[in-house]
């Protein structure tokens, strides 16, 4: 069992002059403060007590003899050593910290977790950096949950952030995003992430009669929610016609179907026990990784007994089409992907059924672990890098029927005052997207809504259970979380 006891989130947009590490430090300091673990409380415990929280201390029975190092100022100039202004007693290099963080495309360091620890002025006994594309944020939370639940730490600081908007040029961004493609089979064709999602959108719209107007409804919903959040990057009113008239990026996706690039950061404290009335319990976590590259993804429809990538299944609309297995990108080019499968796994059996990218499986297992089902969920935080991403995830998870996400949004189902409030901060599409922290902003909003601290955005209902889902790569890595409010 673990609890989210502290939340820190910066505004998203342009933070000129702030490095990725600076932004992460700002969010981390806010999360520690939200958990009630302040510099002042550390000073009172510095002589004999500590905890597993990075840089802050509330003693546990197991760590009563530990001494932790307080947090230095995150507002000092980059030229100032982080510990320079600390009292000599505070500079003692005796620290018992636990830290996990994500990657940053503007700082591709091979040891980012310890790089941030040094910048933040701590010496963790456990540090871990994770990479799972857009799903990385929730992967960090799941890892921290497992570390705490397994008894390896009392508290873990999760930190992520990036100056993706101000810290790199447009060409650098395009080059970075292009690496999502397969180096041999996709990158030489010149596509980037929007193009890959454009391909996914075209096929999905063909199969389920989703229209561009349906997708636009999701963009409009996210913008309406962002309009009441002062930290959102895009807040100007948006209509369906505005979305449809926006310039094409990778048809059928247009500019307003795509998330903006942002600077920003988010951080969380994951603890073994609740520290305040606004602590939320993590009761379910699960992952599913179905493929890495879009050219190796299972067809939307296939004919076999599981979701195994590379054995294909047609849809009702194309029941007579049986797809050819994808050649393996891990073995020699001459070896078919299915060649090493057991004969039973290669058997094309059953009627045409719908394949899934992995979201359905991850969410179902997280809910089973939590002992809840869709009827118990009162708030949803779903990854939305593109409108098609949000549409597919909502439908695959089961929050609406295939091809119906846009219509459900237009009817008010996912509005702040609707049956199932969704991404009430504006999501990636309007709050912004700065890499790993993009998805974590969804978690920050879910936490604020469930603990009734969302201010003017506060929803009327009081959900006891929230579901969160992150997507990495091109619908390839899926991570689901279930949160519970217990008081």
Protein backbone atom coordinates (compact mmCIF):
# COMPACT_ATOMS: atom_id res chain seq x y z
CA UNK A 1 0.00 0.00 0.00
CA UNK A 2 1.16 3.55 -0.67
CA UNK A 3 -0.20 7.08 -0.51
CA UNK A 4 0.28 10.21 -2.58
CA UNK A 5 1.01 12.69 0.18
CA UNK A 6 2.43 15.68 -1.67
CA UNK A 7 1.88 17.31 -5.07
CA UNK A 8 3.88 19.98 -6.88
CA UNK A 9 3.05 21.37 -10.32
CA UNK A 10 4.35 24.40 -12.20
CA UNK A 11 2.43 26.31 -14.81
CA UNK A 12 3.04 25.06 -18.35
CA UNK A 13 4.12 27.31 -21.19
CA UNK A 14 7.36 29.23 -21.58
CA UNK A 15 9.71 29.50 -18.60
CA UNK A 16 12.54 31.50 -20.11
CA UNK A 17 15.91 31.01 -18.41
CA UNK A 18 14.89 27.93 -16.44
CA UNK A 19 16.68 24.65 -17.13
CA UNK A 20 14.98 21.29 -16.89
CA UNK A 21 16.67 20.76 -13.52
CA UNK A 22 15.47 24.16 -12.27
CA UNK A 23 11.88 23.32 -13.19
CA UNK A 24 12.10 19.91 -11.53
CA UNK A 25 13.46 21.52 -8.38
CA UNK A 26 10.60 24.02 -8.26
CA UNK A 27 8.03 21.24 -8.48
CA UNK A 28 9.89 19.05 -5.99
CA UNK A 29 10.02 21.85 -3.44
CA UNK A 30 6.28 22.41 -3.85
CA UNK A 31 5.55 18.70 -3.41
CA UNK A 32 7.59 18.54 -0.22
CA UNK A 33 5.75 21.57 1.11
CA UNK A 34 2.40 20.05 0.21
CA UNK A 35 3.33 16.94 2.16
CA UNK A 36 4.16 19.08 5.19
CA UNK A 37 7.87 18.31 4.90
CA UNK A 38 9.38 21.78 5.00
CA UNK A 39 12.86 23.19 5.58
CA UNK A 40 11.74 24.31 9.00
CA UNK A 41 10.62 20.83 9.99
CA UNK A 42 13.96 19.44 8.82
CA UNK A 43 15.91 21.87 10.97
CA UNK A 44 14.08 20.53 13.99
CA UNK A 45 15.05 16.94 13.19
CA UNK A 46 18.46 17.28 11.64
CA UNK A 47 20.51 15.98 14.58
CA UNK A 48 19.16 12.46 14.94
CA UNK A 49 16.15 11.85 12.75
CA UNK A 50 15.42 11.36 9.07
CA UNK A 51 13.20 9.69 6.54
CA UNK A 52 13.37 8.35 3.04
CA UNK A 53 12.06 11.58 1.58
CA UNK A 54 14.57 13.41 -0.55
CA UNK A 55 15.92 16.26 1.48
CA UNK A 56 13.22 16.46 4.16
CA UNK A 57 12.62 14.68 7.37
CA UNK A 58 9.89 13.19 9.40
CA UNK A 59 11.29 10.26 11.35
CA UNK A 60 10.17 6.68 10.93
CA UNK A 61 10.80 3.91 13.43
CA UNK A 62 13.28 2.35 11.03
CA UNK A 63 15.16 5.58 10.39
CA UNK A 64 15.26 7.22 13.82
CA UNK A 65 19.05 7.44 13.70
CA UNK A 66 19.27 8.89 10.21
CA UNK A 67 20.20 12.47 9.43
CA UNK A 68 18.97 14.04 6.22
CA UNK A 69 20.20 16.98 4.25
CA UNK A 70 17.73 19.88 3.87
CA UNK A 71 16.70 21.24 0.50
CA UNK A 72 18.77 24.18 -0.78
CA UNK A 73 17.05 27.07 -2.52
CA UNK A 74 15.83 26.27 -6.01
CA UNK A 75 15.69 29.95 -6.87
CA UNK A 76 19.44 30.57 -6.58
CA UNK A 77 21.33 31.31 -9.78
CA UNK A 78 22.78 28.40 -11.69
CA UNK A 79 26.28 29.68 -10.90
CA UNK A 80 25.72 29.30 -7.16
CA UNK A 81 26.49 25.90 -5.65
CA UNK A 82 23.22 24.53 -4.34
CA UNK A 83 24.55 24.00 -0.82
CA UNK A 84 26.54 27.24 -0.59
CA UNK A 85 23.96 29.15 1.39
CA UNK A 86 23.20 26.36 3.88
CA UNK A 87 24.25 26.46 7.49
CA UNK A 88 27.21 24.20 8.26
CA UNK A 89 25.01 21.77 10.18
CA UNK A 90 22.67 21.60 7.19
CA UNK A 91 25.53 20.77 4.85
CA UNK A 92 26.31 17.49 6.56
CA UNK A 93 26.68 14.92 3.83
CA UNK A 94 24.62 12.33 5.65
CA UNK A 95 21.51 11.74 3.63
CA UNK A 96 19.07 8.89 3.23
CA UNK A 97 16.97 9.82 0.23
CA UNK A 98 14.87 7.96 -2.31
CA UNK A 99 14.37 9.48 -5.74
CA UNK A 100 12.90 8.51 -9.08
CA UNK A 101 12.69 10.76 -12.12
CA UNK A 102 12.00 10.64 -15.84
CA UNK A 103 14.00 11.58 -18.92
CA UNK A 104 14.37 15.02 -20.50
CA UNK A 105 14.94 15.42 -24.23
CA UNK A 106 16.69 18.76 -23.66
CA UNK A 107 19.07 17.08 -21.21
CA UNK A 108 19.85 13.58 -22.54
CA UNK A 109 22.10 12.68 -19.63
CA UNK A 110 22.78 9.00 -19.00
CA UNK A 111 22.43 9.52 -15.22
CA UNK A 112 19.60 12.04 -14.96
CA UNK A 113 18.35 10.86 -11.55
CA UNK A 114 21.67 11.44 -9.83
CA UNK A 115 22.26 14.59 -11.86
CA UNK A 116 19.04 16.01 -10.44
CA UNK A 117 19.95 14.76 -6.95
CA UNK A 118 23.19 16.72 -7.11
CA UNK A 119 21.39 19.81 -8.42
CA UNK A 120 18.80 19.51 -5.67
CA UNK A 121 21.45 19.02 -2.98
CA UNK A 122 20.71 15.47 -1.88
CA UNK A 123 22.56 12.16 -1.78
CA UNK A 124 19.95 9.44 -2.33
CA UNK A 125 20.43 5.89 -1.21
CA UNK A 126 18.15 4.89 -4.10
CA UNK A 127 17.85 6.78 -7.39
CA UNK A 128 16.19 5.57 -10.54
CA UNK A 129 15.45 7.13 -13.91
CA UNK A 130 12.77 5.64 -16.17
CA UNK A 131 11.95 5.89 -19.88
CA UNK A 132 8.58 4.82 -21.28
CA UNK A 133 7.70 7.71 -23.56
CA UNK A 134 4.52 9.52 -22.59
CA UNK A 135 3.72 6.77 -20.09
CA UNK A 136 6.89 7.50 -18.12
CA UNK A 137 5.16 9.70 -15.54
CA UNK A 138 2.79 6.97 -14.47
CA UNK A 139 5.61 4.42 -14.67
CA UNK A 140 7.45 6.53 -12.08
CA UNK A 141 4.41 6.56 -9.82
CA UNK A 142 3.99 2.80 -10.19
CA UNK A 143 7.68 2.26 -9.41
CA UNK A 144 7.52 4.49 -6.35
CA UNK A 145 4.37 2.67 -5.22
CA UNK A 146 6.11 -0.69 -5.52
CA UNK A 147 9.25 0.56 -3.75
CA UNK A 148 7.20 1.86 -0.83
CA UNK A 149 4.79 -1.09 -0.70
CA UNK A 150 7.75 -3.47 -0.78
CA UNK A 151 9.27 -1.87 2.31
CA UNK A 152 12.34 -0.42 0.59
CA UNK A 153 11.43 3.17 1.51
CA UNK A 154 9.04 5.16 3.66
CA UNK A 155 8.78 8.04 1.17
CA UNK A 156 9.84 8.50 -2.44
CA UNK A 157 10.17 11.76 -4.35
CA UNK A 158 9.00 11.51 -7.95
CA UNK A 159 10.22 14.42 -10.08
CA UNK A 160 9.94 15.22 -13.78
CA UNK A 161 10.24 18.34 -15.87
CA UNK A 162 11.66 19.81 -19.02
CA UNK A 163 12.21 23.13 -20.75
CA UNK A 164 11.10 21.57 -24.02
CA UNK A 165 9.67 24.83 -25.40
CA UNK A 166 12.44 27.30 -24.54
CA UNK A 167 15.36 24.87 -24.33
CA UNK A 168 15.52 23.60 -27.91
CA UNK A 169 14.85 24.79 -31.44
CA UNK A 170 12.02 23.62 -33.68
CA UNK A 171 14.45 21.51 -35.71
CA UNK A 172 15.82 19.88 -32.55
CA UNK A 173 12.28 19.03 -31.47
CA UNK A 174 11.48 17.46 -34.84
CA UNK A 175 14.69 15.44 -34.78
CA UNK A 176 13.96 14.19 -31.27
CA UNK A 177 10.37 13.23 -32.04
CA UNK A 178 11.43 11.44 -35.22
CA UNK A 179 13.35 8.93 -33.13
CA UNK A 180 10.06 7.34 -32.07
CA UNK A 181 10.18 5.62 -35.44
CA UNK A 182 12.06 2.46 -36.29
CA UNK A 183 15.59 3.40 -37.38
CA UNK A 184 15.52 1.17 -40.47
CA UNK A 185 11.90 0.92 -41.53
CA UNK A 186 10.31 4.22 -40.47
CA UNK A 187 12.77 7.05 -39.79
CA UNK A 188 14.17 7.07 -43.37
CA UNK A 189 10.65 7.86 -44.59
CA UNK A 190 10.76 11.18 -42.73
CA UNK A 191 7.81 10.74 -40.40
CA UNK A 192 7.57 12.16 -36.88
CA UNK A 193 5.19 11.40 -34.03
CA UNK A 194 2.27 13.43 -35.46
CA UNK A 195 2.60 11.53 -38.75
CA UNK A 196 2.50 8.17 -37.00
CA UNK A 197 -0.59 9.20 -35.07
CA UNK A 198 -2.07 10.51 -38.30
CA UNK A 199 -1.75 7.00 -39.74
CA UNK A 200 -3.37 5.53 -36.65
CA UNK A 201 -6.16 8.11 -36.89
CA UNK A 202 -6.87 7.33 -40.54
CA UNK A 203 -7.21 3.63 -39.89
CA UNK A 204 -9.25 4.07 -36.72
CA UNK A 205 -11.64 6.52 -38.38
CA UNK A 206 -12.06 4.09 -41.28
CA UNK A 207 -12.90 1.19 -38.96
CA UNK A 208 -15.26 2.98 -36.59
CA UNK A 209 -16.70 5.85 -38.63
CA UNK A 210 -15.14 8.48 -36.36
CA UNK A 211 -15.16 11.90 -38.03
CA UNK A 212 -12.83 14.88 -37.82
CA UNK A 213 -15.67 16.75 -36.11
CA UNK A 214 -15.81 14.01 -33.46
CA UNK A 215 -12.12 14.49 -32.74
CA UNK A 216 -12.57 18.27 -32.67
CA UNK A 217 -15.13 17.90 -29.87
CA UNK A 218 -12.40 16.46 -27.65
CA UNK A 219 -10.08 19.40 -28.34
CA UNK A 220 -12.89 21.81 -27.51
CA UNK A 221 -13.62 20.02 -24.23
CA UNK A 222 -9.98 20.17 -23.15
CA UNK A 223 -9.77 23.87 -24.01
CA UNK A 224 -12.93 24.61 -22.05
CA UNK A 225 -11.44 22.92 -19.01
CA UNK A 226 -8.11 24.73 -19.41
CA UNK A 227 -9.93 28.05 -19.52
CA UNK A 228 -10.46 27.93 -15.76
CA UNK A 229 -6.89 26.90 -14.89
CA UNK A 230 -4.43 29.80 -14.49
CA UNK A 231 -1.47 27.52 -15.15
CA UNK A 232 -2.66 26.22 -18.53
CA UNK A 233 -0.67 27.10 -21.64
CA UNK A 234 -3.67 27.46 -23.98
CA UNK A 235 -6.75 29.12 -22.47
CA UNK A 236 -8.39 31.03 -25.32
CA UNK A 237 -11.87 29.81 -26.25
CA UNK A 238 -12.00 27.20 -29.00
CA UNK A 239 -14.83 25.95 -31.19
CA UNK A 240 -15.22 22.86 -33.34
CA UNK A 241 -15.02 25.06 -36.43
CA UNK A 242 -11.75 26.55 -35.12
CA UNK A 243 -10.27 23.07 -34.83
CA UNK A 244 -11.44 22.05 -38.29
CA UNK A 245 -10.05 25.25 -39.80
CA UNK A 246 -6.64 24.98 -38.12
CA UNK A 247 -3.67 24.17 -40.40
CA UNK A 248 -3.02 20.51 -41.22
CA UNK A 249 -0.14 18.84 -39.42
CA UNK A 250 -0.52 15.19 -40.40
CA UNK A 251 -3.93 14.62 -41.91
CA UNK A 252 -6.48 13.96 -40.61
CA UNK A 253 -4.84 15.67 -37.62
CA UNK A 254 -4.70 19.45 -37.62
CA UNK A 255 -2.88 21.85 -35.34
CA UNK A 256 -5.64 21.94 -32.75
CA UNK A 257 -5.77 18.13 -32.70
CA UNK A 258 -2.20 18.17 -31.38
CA UNK A 259 -0.84 19.12 -27.98
CA UNK A 260 1.47 22.15 -27.70
CA UNK A 261 5.12 21.90 -26.68
CA UNK A 262 5.73 23.32 -23.21
CA UNK A 263 8.13 24.05 -20.38
CA UNK A 264 7.02 22.75 -17.00
CA UNK A 265 7.46 20.24 -14.21
CA UNK A 266 5.60 18.10 -11.71
CA UNK A 267 6.60 16.23 -8.57
CA UNK A 268 5.00 13.95 -5.99
CA UNK A 269 5.72 12.38 -2.63
CA UNK A 270 4.72 8.72 -2.39
CA UNK A 271 4.57 7.53 1.22
CA UNK A 272 3.95 4.40 3.22
CA UNK A 273 1.38 6.17 5.43
CA UNK A 274 -0.91 9.19 4.94
CA UNK A 275 0.63 12.43 6.19
CA UNK A 276 -2.45 14.67 5.99
CA UNK A 277 -6.14 14.77 5.16
CA UNK A 278 -5.27 15.27 1.50
CA UNK A 279 -3.40 12.00 1.11
CA UNK A 280 -4.76 9.62 -1.54
CA UNK A 281 -4.16 5.88 -1.60
CA UNK A 282 -2.85 4.07 -4.66
CA UNK A 283 -4.86 0.86 -4.85
CA UNK A 284 -4.19 -0.43 -8.36
CA UNK A 285 -1.38 -0.31 -10.92
CA UNK A 286 -0.71 -2.24 -14.13
CA UNK A 287 1.22 -2.04 -17.38
CA UNK A 288 0.95 -3.46 -20.88
CA UNK A 289 3.48 -3.04 -23.69
CA UNK A 290 2.16 -4.33 -26.99
CA UNK A 291 4.81 -3.11 -29.44
CA UNK A 292 7.38 -0.37 -29.88
CA UNK A 293 6.95 0.83 -33.47
CA UNK A 294 3.72 1.50 -35.29
CA UNK A 295 4.79 -0.74 -38.17
CA UNK A 296 4.98 -3.63 -35.70
CA UNK A 297 1.62 -2.94 -34.03
CA UNK A 298 -1.17 -5.44 -34.28
CA UNK A 299 -3.83 -4.57 -36.79
CA UNK A 300 -6.90 -2.97 -35.24
CA UNK A 301 -8.60 -6.20 -36.16
CA UNK A 302 -7.07 -9.65 -36.14
CA UNK A 303 -7.94 -13.31 -36.06
CA UNK A 304 -6.36 -15.26 -33.22
CA UNK A 305 -6.85 -16.04 -29.58
CA UNK A 306 -4.86 -13.21 -28.01
CA UNK A 307 -3.46 -9.73 -28.68
CA UNK A 308 -0.08 -11.10 -29.77
CA UNK A 309 1.55 -8.55 -32.06
CA UNK A 310 2.11 -9.79 -35.56
CA UNK A 311 -0.70 -12.34 -35.85
CA UNK A 312 -3.43 -10.49 -37.54
CA UNK A 313 -7.19 -10.32 -37.21
CA UNK A 314 -9.72 -8.56 -39.51
CA UNK A 315 -12.69 -6.43 -38.35
CA UNK A 316 -16.34 -7.11 -39.10
CA UNK A 317 -16.04 -4.62 -41.89
CA UNK A 318 -13.04 -6.48 -43.30
CA UNK A 319 -13.70 -10.01 -42.13
CA UNK A 320 -12.40 -11.47 -45.36
CA UNK A 321 -9.05 -9.74 -45.01
CA UNK A 322 -6.43 -11.62 -43.02
CA UNK A 323 -3.34 -9.53 -42.46
CA UNK A 324 0.13 -10.81 -43.14
CA UNK A 325 2.27 -11.18 -39.99
CA UNK A 326 4.74 -8.34 -39.47
CA UNK A 327 8.38 -9.35 -39.93
CA UNK A 328 10.32 -9.18 -36.69
CA UNK A 329 12.40 -6.07 -36.19
CA UNK A 330 14.39 -7.86 -33.50
CA UNK A 331 15.43 -10.96 -35.42
CA UNK A 332 17.05 -11.25 -38.85
CA UNK A 333 15.06 -9.77 -41.72
CA UNK A 334 14.56 -13.25 -43.11
CA UNK A 335 12.80 -14.53 -39.98
CA UNK A 336 9.04 -13.92 -39.72
CA UNK A 337 7.87 -12.61 -36.34
CA UNK A 338 5.63 -15.65 -35.80
CA UNK A 339 8.31 -18.19 -36.64
CA UNK A 340 9.35 -18.75 -33.04
CA UNK A 341 5.78 -18.99 -31.68
CA UNK A 342 4.30 -22.23 -30.51
CA UNK A 343 2.06 -23.80 -33.15
CA UNK A 344 -1.02 -23.21 -30.99
CA UNK A 345 -0.18 -19.51 -30.82
CA UNK A 346 0.20 -19.34 -34.59
CA UNK A 347 -3.13 -20.95 -35.25
CA UNK A 348 -5.64 -18.60 -36.84
CA UNK A 349 -8.74 -19.42 -34.85
CA UNK A 350 -12.08 -17.85 -34.00
CA UNK A 351 -14.20 -15.21 -35.62
CA UNK A 352 -13.00 -11.75 -36.49
CA UNK A 353 -12.56 -9.79 -33.26
CA UNK A 354 -11.29 -6.37 -32.31
CA UNK A 355 -7.67 -6.13 -31.27
CA UNK A 356 -6.52 -3.67 -28.59
CA UNK A 357 -3.41 -1.57 -28.21
CA UNK A 358 -2.99 -2.57 -24.57
CA UNK A 359 -4.97 0.07 -22.68
CA UNK A 360 -7.91 -2.25 -22.04
CA UNK A 361 -5.71 -4.94 -20.55
CA UNK A 362 -3.69 -2.58 -18.35
CA UNK A 363 -6.78 -0.83 -16.99
CA UNK A 364 -8.67 -4.09 -16.41
CA UNK A 365 -5.80 -5.53 -14.38
CA UNK A 366 -5.36 -2.32 -12.38
CA UNK A 367 -9.09 -2.30 -11.54
CA UNK A 368 -9.02 -5.98 -10.60
CA UNK A 369 -6.10 -5.33 -8.29
CA UNK A 370 -8.01 -2.41 -6.77
CA UNK A 371 -11.25 -4.36 -6.45
CA UNK A 372 -13.29 -1.80 -8.42
CA UNK A 373 -14.99 -1.58 -11.80
CA UNK A 374 -15.98 1.22 -14.15
CA UNK A 375 -19.14 1.94 -12.18
CA UNK A 376 -17.04 2.96 -9.17
CA UNK A 377 -14.97 5.54 -11.04
CA UNK A 378 -15.88 9.17 -10.42
CA UNK A 379 -12.99 10.94 -12.15
CA UNK A 380 -10.90 10.05 -15.21
CA UNK A 381 -7.44 11.29 -16.19
CA UNK A 382 -6.60 9.95 -19.65
CA UNK A 383 -3.57 10.71 -21.81
CA UNK A 384 -4.36 13.01 -24.72
CA UNK A 385 -1.29 13.86 -26.77
CA UNK A 386 -3.59 14.03 -29.81
CA UNK A 387 -7.35 14.00 -30.07
CA UNK A 388 -7.15 10.55 -31.64
CA UNK A 389 -5.12 9.31 -28.66
CA UNK A 390 -7.85 10.40 -26.28
CA UNK A 391 -10.62 8.97 -28.47
CA UNK A 392 -8.98 5.54 -28.75
CA UNK A 393 -8.15 5.30 -25.05
CA UNK A 394 -11.60 6.36 -23.87
CA UNK A 395 -13.18 3.79 -26.17
CA UNK A 396 -10.75 0.94 -25.58
CA UNK A 397 -10.92 1.31 -21.81
CA UNK A 398 -14.70 1.12 -22.09
CA UNK A 399 -15.79 4.63 -21.08
CA UNK A 400 -17.82 4.86 -24.28
CA UNK A 401 -18.51 2.74 -27.35
CA UNK A 402 -16.17 2.56 -30.33
CA UNK A 403 -16.48 5.65 -32.47
CA UNK A 404 -18.50 7.50 -29.83
CA UNK A 405 -15.94 9.46 -27.76
CA UNK A 406 -16.47 12.74 -29.59
CA UNK A 407 -20.21 12.48 -29.41
CA UNK A 408 -20.03 11.65 -25.70
CA UNK A 409 -17.87 14.73 -25.14
CA UNK A 410 -20.29 16.92 -27.10
CA UNK A 411 -23.18 15.58 -25.01
CA UNK A 412 -21.42 16.63 -21.78
CA UNK A 413 -20.52 13.20 -20.39
CA UNK A 414 -16.90 14.20 -19.71
CA UNK A 415 -17.47 17.82 -18.71
CA UNK A 416 -16.55 19.07 -15.26
CA UNK A 417 -20.22 18.87 -14.28
CA UNK A 418 -20.84 15.71 -16.31
CA UNK A 419 -21.27 12.06 -15.47
CA UNK A 420 -17.51 11.40 -15.53
CA UNK A 421 -15.30 14.50 -15.31
CA UNK A 422 -12.23 14.12 -17.52
CA UNK A 423 -8.91 16.01 -17.46
CA UNK A 424 -10.40 19.08 -15.81
CA UNK A 425 -7.09 20.97 -16.04
CA UNK A 426 -7.21 20.86 -19.84
CA UNK A 427 -5.04 17.83 -20.50
CA UNK A 428 -2.02 17.76 -22.76
CA UNK A 429 -4.09 19.33 -25.51
CA UNK A 430 -4.50 22.62 -23.62
CA UNK A 431 -2.69 22.58 -20.27
CA UNK A 432 0.39 21.63 -22.26
CA UNK A 433 2.96 18.91 -22.79
CA UNK A 434 6.54 19.12 -21.50
CA UNK A 435 7.44 15.46 -21.75
CA UNK A 436 7.27 13.24 -18.67
CA UNK A 437 5.57 15.89 -16.54
CA UNK A 438 2.78 16.20 -19.10
CA UNK A 439 1.00 13.08 -17.91
CA UNK A 440 1.88 13.87 -14.30
CA UNK A 441 -0.14 17.08 -14.60
CA UNK A 442 -3.15 14.77 -15.05
CA UNK A 443 -2.30 13.14 -11.74
CA UNK A 444 -1.85 16.48 -10.01
CA UNK A 445 -5.31 17.57 -11.16
CA UNK A 446 -6.89 14.27 -10.14
CA UNK A 447 -5.33 14.65 -6.68
CA UNK A 448 -6.58 18.22 -6.31
CA UNK A 449 -10.10 17.30 -7.45
CA UNK A 450 -10.38 14.27 -5.18
CA UNK A 451 -9.12 16.23 -2.17
CA UNK A 452 -11.35 19.21 -3.02
CA UNK A 453 -8.49 21.66 -3.47
CA UNK A 454 -9.08 22.57 -7.13
CA UNK A 455 -10.47 26.04 -6.44
CA UNK A 456 -12.67 27.46 -9.20
CA UNK A 457 -12.30 24.20 -11.15
CA UNK A 458 -13.65 22.06 -8.31
CA UNK A 459 -16.19 19.56 -9.57
CA UNK A 460 -19.47 19.21 -7.68
CA UNK A 461 -19.32 15.47 -7.20
CA UNK A 462 -16.96 13.95 -4.65
CA UNK A 463 -15.36 10.94 -6.35
CA UNK A 464 -14.00 8.21 -4.12
CA UNK A 465 -12.17 6.48 -6.99
CA UNK A 466 -10.20 7.88 -9.94
CA UNK A 467 -8.70 6.11 -12.93
CA UNK A 468 -5.60 7.33 -14.73
CA UNK A 469 -4.03 6.03 -17.91
CA UNK A 470 -0.85 6.96 -19.74
CA UNK A 471 0.26 6.09 -23.25
CA UNK A 472 3.85 5.96 -24.48
CA UNK A 473 5.23 5.73 -27.99
CA UNK A 474 2.65 5.22 -30.72
CA UNK A 475 -0.07 3.59 -28.61
CA UNK A 476 2.59 1.11 -27.50
CA UNK A 477 3.21 1.43 -23.75
CA UNK A 478 0.22 1.57 -21.42
CA UNK A 479 0.19 2.23 -17.67
CA UNK A 480 -2.94 2.48 -15.54
CA UNK A 481 -3.37 3.73 -11.98
CA UNK A 482 -6.34 3.60 -9.61
CA UNK A 483 -6.58 6.09 -6.72
CA UNK A 484 -8.88 6.04 -3.72
CA UNK A 485 -10.00 8.74 -1.34
CA UNK A 486 -10.45 7.30 2.12
CA UNK A 487 -11.57 10.30 4.14
